[in-house]
Protein backbone atom coordinates (compact mmCIF):
# COMPACT_ATOMS: atom_id res chain seq x y z
CA MET A 1 -44.43 7.54 -24.67
CA LYS A 2 -43.21 10.28 -22.35
CA LYS A 3 -43.70 8.02 -19.33
CA LEU A 4 -41.93 5.17 -21.11
CA THR A 5 -39.03 7.45 -22.09
CA SER A 6 -38.73 8.66 -18.48
CA ALA A 7 -38.78 5.12 -17.22
CA LEU A 8 -36.14 4.07 -19.70
CA PHE A 9 -34.02 7.10 -18.80
CA GLY A 10 -34.37 6.28 -15.10
CA ALA A 11 -33.40 2.68 -15.70
CA ALA A 12 -30.40 3.76 -17.78
CA ALA A 13 -29.30 6.20 -15.10
CA CYS A 14 -29.63 3.52 -12.46
CA PHE A 15 -27.60 1.10 -14.59
CA THR A 16 -24.91 3.74 -15.09
CA LEU A 17 -24.64 4.34 -11.35
CA MET A 18 -24.48 0.61 -10.66
CA ALA A 19 -21.82 0.15 -13.32
CA GLY A 20 -19.79 3.00 -11.82
CA ALA A 21 -20.00 1.47 -8.36
CA ALA A 22 -18.99 -1.91 -9.72
CA SER A 23 -16.01 -0.51 -11.63
CA ALA A 24 -13.90 0.29 -8.54
CA GLU A 25 -10.49 -1.26 -9.10
CA THR A 26 -9.85 -4.32 -6.96
CA VAL A 27 -6.37 -4.35 -5.43
CA LYS A 28 -5.01 -7.38 -3.58
CA VAL A 29 -2.92 -5.92 -0.77
CA GLY A 30 -0.34 -8.31 0.61
CA VAL A 31 0.32 -8.34 4.35
CA ALA A 32 2.64 -10.72 6.19
CA ALA A 33 0.65 -13.77 7.31
CA GLU A 34 2.54 -13.63 10.61
CA PRO A 35 1.06 -11.27 13.24
CA TYR A 36 2.92 -7.95 13.54
CA PRO A 37 1.21 -6.01 16.33
CA PRO A 38 0.15 -3.27 16.54
CA PHE A 39 0.23 -2.99 12.73
CA THR A 40 -1.37 -6.16 11.38
CA VAL A 41 -3.12 -8.64 13.68
CA PRO A 42 -5.41 -11.49 12.55
CA ASP A 43 -8.11 -12.92 14.79
CA ALA A 44 -9.34 -16.52 14.96
CA SER A 45 -11.83 -15.85 12.16
CA GLY A 46 -9.19 -14.49 9.81
CA ASN A 47 -10.25 -10.86 10.19
CA TRP A 48 -7.40 -8.34 10.29
CA THR A 49 -7.05 -5.35 12.57
CA GLY A 50 -4.28 -2.95 13.54
CA TRP A 51 -2.87 0.45 12.67
CA GLU A 52 -1.75 -0.56 9.18
CA ILE A 53 -5.11 -2.14 8.36
CA ASP A 54 -6.96 1.02 9.45
CA PHE A 55 -4.52 3.13 7.47
CA MET A 56 -4.88 0.90 4.41
CA ASN A 57 -8.68 1.18 4.54
CA ALA A 58 -8.48 4.98 4.77
CA VAL A 59 -6.00 5.25 1.90
CA CYS A 60 -7.93 2.86 -0.34
CA ASP A 61 -11.14 4.76 0.38
CA LYS A 62 -9.48 8.03 -0.69
CA ALA A 63 -8.07 6.38 -3.81
CA GLU A 64 -11.44 4.76 -4.60
CA LEU A 65 -9.83 1.33 -4.63
CA ASP A 66 -11.45 -1.92 -3.48
CA CYS A 67 -8.56 -3.24 -1.40
CA VAL A 68 -8.57 -6.87 -0.27
CA VAL A 69 -6.22 -8.02 2.50
CA THR A 70 -4.19 -10.96 1.19
CA PRO A 71 -1.96 -12.76 3.73
CA ILE A 72 1.41 -13.95 2.38
CA ALA A 73 4.39 -15.41 4.24
CA TRP A 74 6.80 -12.52 4.82
CA ASP A 75 9.79 -14.08 3.07
CA GLY A 76 7.69 -14.69 -0.04
CA ILE A 77 5.82 -11.39 -0.19
CA ILE A 78 8.00 -9.65 -2.81
CA PRO A 79 7.98 -12.71 -5.13
CA ALA A 80 4.19 -12.81 -4.76
CA LEU A 81 4.01 -9.18 -5.89
CA THR A 82 6.31 -9.56 -8.88
CA ALA A 83 4.47 -12.76 -9.92
CA GLY A 84 1.12 -10.92 -9.91
CA LYS A 85 -0.40 -12.87 -7.02
CA ILE A 86 -0.90 -9.57 -5.18
CA ASP A 87 -0.98 -5.98 -6.44
CA ALA A 88 0.56 -4.09 -3.53
CA ILE A 89 2.37 -4.64 -0.23
CA MET A 90 1.33 -2.78 2.92
CA SER A 91 3.17 -4.68 5.62
CA SER A 92 5.62 -2.31 7.31
CA MET A 93 8.12 -2.77 4.48
CA SER A 94 11.08 -0.40 4.61
CA ILE A 95 12.04 1.43 1.43
CA THR A 96 15.60 0.24 0.82
CA PRO A 97 17.99 0.42 -2.15
CA GLU A 98 18.14 -3.39 -2.31
CA ARG A 99 14.35 -3.74 -2.52
CA GLU A 100 14.12 -0.88 -5.02
CA LYS A 101 16.06 -3.05 -7.46
CA GLU A 102 13.02 -5.35 -7.59
CA ILE A 103 9.96 -3.23 -6.88
CA ALA A 104 8.72 0.37 -6.70
CA PHE A 105 7.60 2.18 -3.56
CA SER A 106 5.11 4.88 -2.72
CA ASN A 107 6.11 7.85 -0.60
CA LYS A 108 6.72 6.83 3.02
CA TYR A 109 3.77 6.54 5.38
CA TYR A 110 5.63 5.99 8.65
CA SER A 111 9.13 5.67 10.06
CA THR A 112 10.49 4.36 13.36
CA PRO A 113 14.04 3.44 14.47
CA GLY A 114 15.35 0.00 15.32
CA ALA A 115 15.89 -0.80 19.00
CA ILE A 116 17.42 -3.42 21.27
CA VAL A 117 15.53 -5.14 24.08
CA ALA A 118 17.34 -7.38 26.58
CA GLU A 119 16.85 -9.08 29.92
CA ALA A 120 16.32 -6.49 32.64
CA GLY A 121 19.55 -5.69 34.46
CA SER A 122 21.74 -7.35 31.83
CA ASP A 123 23.79 -4.19 31.18
CA ILE A 124 23.64 -4.93 27.45
CA LYS A 125 24.08 -1.85 25.25
CA PRO A 126 23.19 -1.41 21.55
CA THR A 127 26.83 -1.80 20.47
CA ASN A 128 28.82 -4.59 18.83
CA GLU A 129 31.22 -4.70 21.77
CA SER A 130 28.40 -5.18 24.26
CA LEU A 131 26.63 -7.79 22.14
CA SER A 132 29.81 -9.73 21.34
CA GLY A 133 29.18 -13.43 22.03
CA LYS A 134 25.55 -12.77 22.96
CA VAL A 135 22.64 -14.46 21.17
CA LEU A 136 20.67 -11.76 19.33
CA GLY A 137 17.22 -12.67 18.04
CA VAL A 138 15.65 -11.09 14.96
CA GLN A 139 12.82 -11.77 12.51
CA VAL A 140 14.13 -13.29 9.28
CA SER A 141 14.31 -11.35 5.99
CA THR A 142 13.86 -7.97 7.67
CA THR A 143 15.92 -4.81 7.60
CA ASN A 144 16.70 -5.50 11.25
CA GLN A 145 18.37 -8.77 10.28
CA ALA A 146 20.48 -6.92 7.71
CA TYR A 147 21.33 -4.28 10.31
CA ALA A 148 22.33 -6.88 12.91
CA GLU A 149 24.56 -8.73 10.46
CA LYS A 150 26.32 -5.50 9.46
CA HIS A 151 26.62 -3.67 12.77
CA PHE A 152 26.76 -6.54 15.29
CA PRO A 153 29.04 -9.05 13.52
CA ASP A 154 30.37 -10.45 16.80
CA ALA A 155 26.91 -11.35 18.11
CA LYS A 156 25.41 -14.82 17.56
CA ILE A 157 22.43 -13.93 15.40
CA LYS A 158 19.41 -16.23 15.59
CA THR A 159 16.54 -15.75 13.11
CA TYR A 160 12.84 -16.45 13.54
CA GLN A 161 9.84 -16.52 11.21
CA THR A 162 7.77 -14.17 13.38
CA GLN A 163 8.38 -11.36 15.86
CA ASP A 164 6.23 -13.19 18.43
CA GLU A 165 8.69 -16.09 18.38
CA VAL A 166 11.58 -13.71 19.05
CA ASN A 167 9.71 -12.19 22.00
CA GLN A 168 8.84 -15.63 23.40
CA ASP A 169 12.45 -16.83 23.29
CA LEU A 170 13.70 -13.65 24.96
CA TYR A 171 11.13 -14.10 27.73
CA ALA A 172 12.15 -17.77 28.11
CA GLY A 173 15.84 -16.84 28.34
CA ARG A 174 16.84 -18.71 25.19
CA ILE A 175 18.37 -15.55 23.68
CA ASP A 176 20.12 -12.61 25.32
CA ALA A 177 18.59 -9.75 23.35
CA GLU A 178 16.51 -8.90 20.30
CA ILE A 179 16.45 -6.19 17.66
CA ALA A 180 13.23 -4.94 16.07
CA ASP A 181 11.41 -1.74 15.20
CA LEU A 182 10.85 0.41 18.27
CA VAL A 183 7.09 0.57 17.72
CA THR A 184 6.65 -3.19 17.40
CA LEU A 185 8.60 -3.78 20.61
CA GLN A 186 6.31 -1.55 22.69
CA PRO A 187 3.36 -3.99 22.94
CA PHE A 188 5.71 -6.74 24.12
CA LEU A 189 7.34 -4.51 26.74
CA GLU A 190 3.89 -3.48 27.99
CA SER A 191 2.67 -7.09 28.24
CA ASP A 192 2.89 -9.14 31.43
CA ASN A 193 5.74 -11.22 29.99
CA GLY A 194 7.63 -8.18 28.81
CA LYS A 195 7.31 -6.41 32.15
CA ALA A 196 8.47 -9.54 33.96
CA CYS A 197 11.64 -10.10 31.97
CA CYS A 198 12.90 -7.33 29.85
CA GLU A 199 13.78 -3.72 29.19
CA MET A 200 14.60 -1.42 26.30
CA VAL A 201 18.36 -0.80 26.29
CA GLY A 202 18.42 1.74 23.49
CA THR A 203 17.78 2.53 19.83
CA VAL A 204 20.39 1.77 17.18
CA ALA A 205 22.23 4.33 15.09
CA GLN A 206 20.48 5.14 11.82
CA ASP A 207 21.76 3.46 8.64
CA VAL A 208 19.83 4.80 5.65
CA GLN A 209 21.42 2.21 3.35
CA ILE A 210 19.67 -0.51 5.38
CA TYR A 211 16.60 1.10 6.90
CA GLY A 212 15.91 3.52 4.06
CA PRO A 213 13.82 6.69 4.46
CA GLY A 214 10.79 4.93 5.94
CA ILE A 215 7.94 2.51 5.25
CA GLY A 216 6.13 2.61 1.90
CA VAL A 217 3.60 0.73 -0.22
CA GLY A 218 5.39 -1.82 -2.38
CA LEU A 219 4.28 -1.97 -6.02
CA ARG A 220 5.36 -3.57 -9.25
CA LYS A 221 7.65 -1.45 -11.39
CA GLY A 222 5.57 -0.02 -14.21
CA ASP A 223 2.37 0.26 -12.16
CA THR A 224 2.73 4.04 -12.28
CA GLU A 225 -1.00 4.80 -12.25
CA LEU A 226 -1.51 2.78 -9.07
CA LEU A 227 1.59 4.38 -7.56
CA GLU A 228 0.20 7.86 -8.24
CA LYS A 229 -3.14 6.90 -6.67
CA PHE A 230 -1.45 5.66 -3.50
CA ASN A 231 0.79 8.74 -3.23
CA ALA A 232 -2.15 11.10 -3.65
CA ALA A 233 -4.25 9.17 -1.14
CA ILE A 234 -1.45 9.03 1.45
CA ALA A 235 -1.04 12.80 1.18
CA ALA A 236 -4.81 13.35 1.46
CA VAL A 237 -5.14 11.14 4.54
CA ARG A 238 -2.28 13.03 6.16
CA GLU A 239 -3.72 16.46 5.30
CA ASP A 240 -7.34 15.91 6.36
CA GLY A 241 -6.48 14.64 9.85
CA THR A 242 -7.44 11.01 9.24
CA TYR A 243 -3.84 9.85 9.75
CA ALA A 244 -3.61 11.53 13.16
CA GLU A 245 -7.05 10.22 14.15
CA ILE A 246 -6.08 6.63 13.34
CA SER A 247 -2.64 6.92 14.95
CA LYS A 248 -3.83 8.22 18.31
CA LYS A 249 -5.72 4.97 18.87
CA TYR A 250 -2.42 3.10 18.86
CA PHE A 251 0.43 5.49 19.71
CA ASP A 252 1.14 8.44 21.97
CA PHE A 253 3.72 9.90 19.57
CA ASP A 254 3.95 10.83 15.89
CA ILE A 255 4.66 7.60 14.04
CA TYR A 256 5.30 9.45 10.78
CA GLY A 257 8.73 10.56 12.01
CA ASP A 258 10.84 13.34 10.56
């Protein structure tokens, strides 16, 4: 009887441990289906890599969440969240007043300024006067598009579905300049095409109403428990050195910002 009781107790304990392991909350994390190096980059097999993927894995591990990367077209990513097709957005989404009308955000997890890249030797400056009449490329439905429309009204703004398409058209000479986040422009400028054609002409003046305080995890309003888990995990990853360890693989500066 004692052996049987011990065996039953052992089996029960094993079942409890297995149940605990299986009870980790599954969270579908939406990322833009379009590549956004060095943050989110899919390979031919559909596997995702990049700074934001590494950061997501570290945060979800801290929060004890089973996070599943779920690609969504960028211009449909907020509707997918509000409709319940995904549970969170981790796709370099700026925290802005306009977006906060629809969804909630975690605390920021990085922040970089917008910048202008143009053909080398063009003498273009990041001002409306300099860009007047010029064709300015930008990824659609981004804060950079909103910034361009507000601050460069005399430029001819051309939108693209992906940042890669903007880069390609600048290289090909089909546009005069582009605006994007400084960090996302670096890989292009360091590529063979970027070195052959283009140069950074400057960062743009900050506009908090458009760019917001930084990049955060997008969540449905009312998902306060999940929001608290993400905030706590972001803080923990920052404090224990994991954030810096991940970042140094991709950047030679502090991406977190001020």
